[in-house]
Amino acid sequence: MIISGKNVQNVIKVYGDQNQVRSNSKTAKTPMARGKDEFILSSGAQEFSQVFNAIKGISDVRPEKVQEFSEKIAAGTYEVNSKGIAEKMLGIYTGR
């Protein structure tokens, strides 16, 4: 098979013509009419959103507990229940 400059030019022309047709077909498509985007949450998602917002409004700090421990610490009567802490820590891992 002999490859000459003329044959190479013909191949390049064919590929160039194909690329031109492809690019024209992409731009020739008419864009869809753009309307207003809209979404609707399912009833489950709406319920979840309401519960989530209610929980978000609850404080992480319980003032009565803070007051109780502050008074015990100030009076010097606060004692750490190491056994209770250990049981709670192990309960996390054992599922109790």
C-alpha atoms as a PDB file:
ATOM      1  CA  MET A   1       0.000   0.000   0.000  1.00  0.00           C
ATOM      2  CA  ILE A   2       1.400   3.343  -1.017  1.00  0.00           C
ATOM      3  CA  ILE A   3       0.473   6.339   1.100  1.00  0.00           C
ATOM      4  CA  SER A   4       0.892   9.546  -0.798  1.00  0.00           C
ATOM      5  CA  GLY A   5       0.268  13.129   0.228  1.00  0.00           C
ATOM      6  CA  LYS A   6      -2.924  13.190  -1.826  1.00  0.00           C
ATOM      7  CA  ASN A   7      -4.364  10.138  -0.005  1.00  0.00           C
ATOM      8  CA  VAL A   8      -3.517  11.654   3.380  1.00  0.00           C
ATOM      9  CA  GLN A   9      -5.223  14.896   2.384  1.00  0.00           C
ATOM     10  CA  ASN A  10      -8.348  12.991   1.301  1.00  0.00           C
ATOM     11  CA  VAL A  11      -8.506  11.167   4.653  1.00  0.00           C
ATOM     12  CA  ILE A  12      -8.058  14.425   6.562  1.00  0.00           C
ATOM     13  CA  LYS A  13     -10.795  16.034   4.474  1.00  0.00           C
ATOM     14  CA  VAL A  14     -13.225  13.158   5.169  1.00  0.00           C
ATOM     15  CA  TYR A  15     -12.609  13.325   8.929  1.00  0.00           C
ATOM     16  CA  GLY A  16     -12.865  17.110   8.871  1.00  0.00           C
ATOM     17  CA  ASP A  17     -16.185  16.929   7.012  1.00  0.00           C
ATOM     18  CA  GLN A  18     -17.540  14.428   9.561  1.00  0.00           C
ATOM     19  CA  ASN A  19     -16.518  16.652  12.467  1.00  0.00           C
ATOM     20  CA  GLN A  20     -18.138  19.645  10.782  1.00  0.00           C
ATOM     21  CA  VAL A  21     -21.413  17.737  10.333  1.00  0.00           C
ATOM     22  CA  ARG A  22     -21.354  16.626  13.987  1.00  0.00           C
ATOM     23  CA  SER A  23     -20.721  20.128  15.307  1.00  0.00           C
ATOM     24  CA  ASN A  24     -23.448  21.581  13.069  1.00  0.00           C
ATOM     25  CA  SER A  25     -25.963  18.991  14.234  1.00  0.00           C
ATOM     26  CA  LYS A  26     -25.219  19.855  17.870  1.00  0.00           C
ATOM     27  CA  THR A  27     -25.707  23.580  17.336  1.00  0.00           C
ATOM     28  CA  ALA A  28     -28.693  23.151  15.038  1.00  0.00           C
ATOM     29  CA  LYS A  29     -30.839  21.726  17.823  1.00  0.00           C
ATOM     30  CA  THR A  30     -33.188  24.305  19.222  1.00  0.00           C
ATOM     31  CA  PRO A  31     -32.844  24.826  22.949  1.00  0.00           C
ATOM     32  CA  MET A  32     -35.813  23.839  25.043  1.00  0.00           C
ATOM     33  CA  ALA A  33     -37.948  26.625  26.363  1.00  0.00           C
ATOM     34  CA  ARG A  34     -36.793  27.339  29.860  1.00  0.00           C
ATOM     35  CA  GLY A  35     -39.525  27.579  32.394  1.00  0.00           C
ATOM     36  CA  LYS A  36     -39.492  28.112  36.092  1.00  0.00           C
ATOM     37  CA  ASP A  37     -37.835  25.256  38.003  1.00  0.00           C
ATOM     38  CA  GLU A  38     -39.966  23.756  40.689  1.00  0.00           C
ATOM     39  CA  PHE A  39     -39.753  20.886  43.150  1.00  0.00           C
ATOM     40  CA  ILE A  40     -42.239  19.300  45.484  1.00  0.00           C
ATOM     41  CA  LEU A  41     -41.237  17.450  48.633  1.00  0.00           C
ATOM     42  CA  SER A  42     -42.895  14.159  49.409  1.00  0.00           C
ATOM     43  CA  SER A  43     -45.059  13.978  52.509  1.00  0.00           C
ATOM     44  CA  GLY A  44     -42.348  11.950  54.249  1.00  0.00           C
ATOM     45  CA  ALA A  45     -39.736  14.576  53.446  1.00  0.00           C
ATOM     46  CA  GLN A  46     -42.033  17.351  54.670  1.00  0.00           C
ATOM     47  CA  GLU A  47     -42.621  15.499  57.933  1.00  0.00           C
ATOM     48  CA  PHE A  48     -38.887  14.899  58.334  1.00  0.00           C
ATOM     49  CA  SER A  49     -38.231  18.596  57.738  1.00  0.00           C
ATOM     50  CA  GLN A  50     -40.735  19.579  60.434  1.00  0.00           C
ATOM     51  CA  VAL A  51     -39.226  17.158  62.952  1.00  0.00           C
ATOM     52  CA  PHE A  52     -35.704  18.249  62.054  1.00  0.00           C
ATOM     53  CA  ASN A  53     -36.574  21.928  62.550  1.00  0.00           C
ATOM     54  CA  ALA A  54     -38.238  21.144  65.890  1.00  0.00           C
ATOM     55  CA  ILE A  55     -35.161  19.253  67.087  1.00  0.00           C
ATOM     56  CA  LYS A  56     -32.885  22.009  65.842  1.00  0.00           C
ATOM     57  CA  GLY A  57     -34.696  24.442  68.113  1.00  0.00           C
ATOM     58  CA  ILE A  58     -34.021  22.374  71.245  1.00  0.00           C
ATOM     59  CA  SER A  59     -30.996  23.430  73.276  1.00  0.00           C
ATOM     60  CA  ASP A  60     -28.152  20.950  73.830  1.00  0.00           C
ATOM     61  CA  VAL A  61     -27.568  22.328  77.318  1.00  0.00           C
ATOM     62  CA  ARG A  62     -29.880  21.407  80.180  1.00  0.00           C
ATOM     63  CA  PRO A  63     -29.665  24.392  82.558  1.00  0.00           C
ATOM     64  CA  GLU A  64     -31.085  22.460  85.523  1.00  0.00           C
ATOM     65  CA  LYS A  65     -28.287  19.870  85.244  1.00  0.00           C
ATOM     66  CA  VAL A  66     -25.649  22.578  84.913  1.00  0.00           C
ATOM     67  CA  GLN A  67     -27.038  24.293  88.009  1.00  0.00           C
ATOM     68  CA  GLU A  68     -27.134  21.023  89.962  1.00  0.00           C
ATOM     69  CA  PHE A  69     -23.517  20.126  89.174  1.00  0.00           C
ATOM     70  CA  SER A  70     -22.323  23.699  89.733  1.00  0.00           C
ATOM     71  CA  GLU A  71     -23.849  23.677  93.224  1.00  0.00           C
ATOM     72  CA  LYS A  72     -22.332  20.282  94.059  1.00  0.00           C
ATOM     73  CA  ILE A  73     -18.883  21.368  92.842  1.00  0.00           C
ATOM     74  CA  ALA A  74     -19.083  24.665  94.743  1.00  0.00           C
ATOM     75  CA  ALA A  75     -20.130  22.845  97.938  1.00  0.00           C
ATOM     76  CA  GLY A  76     -17.401  20.227  97.470  1.00  0.00           C
ATOM     77  CA  THR A  77     -19.907  17.375  97.489  1.00  0.00           C
ATOM     78  CA  TYR A  78     -19.558  16.317  93.852  1.00  0.00           C
ATOM     79  CA  GLU A  79     -18.217  12.793  93.506  1.00  0.00           C
ATOM     80  CA  VAL A  80     -17.375  11.079  90.247  1.00  0.00           C
ATOM     81  CA  ASN A  81     -19.136   7.743  89.882  1.00  0.00           C
ATOM     82  CA  SER A  82     -16.333   5.942  88.059  1.00  0.00           C
ATOM     83  CA  LYS A  83     -18.185   2.617  88.051  1.00  0.00           C
ATOM     84  CA  GLY A  84     -21.244   4.222  86.445  1.00  0.00           C
ATOM     85  CA  ILE A  85     -19.093   5.934  83.818  1.00  0.00           C
ATOM     86  CA  ALA A  86     -17.317   2.656  83.002  1.00  0.00           C
ATOM     87  CA  GLU A  87     -20.637   0.817  82.693  1.00  0.00           C
ATOM     88  CA  LYS A  88     -21.988   3.452  80.307  1.00  0.00           C
ATOM     89  CA  MET A  89     -18.797   3.341  78.223  1.00  0.00           C
ATOM     90  CA  LEU A  90     -18.899  -0.454  78.001  1.00  0.00           C
ATOM     91  CA  GLY A  91     -22.626  -0.363  77.318  1.00  0.00           C
ATOM     92  CA  ILE A  92     -21.926   1.535  74.107  1.00  0.00           C
ATOM     93  CA  TYR A  93     -19.763  -1.331  72.859  1.00  0.00           C
ATOM     94  CA  THR A  94     -21.875  -4.195  74.192  1.00  0.00           C
ATOM     95  CA  GLY A  95     -25.206  -2.704  73.147  1.00  0.00           C
ATOM     96  CA  ARG A  96     -26.680  -2.567  76.651  1.00  0.00           C
END
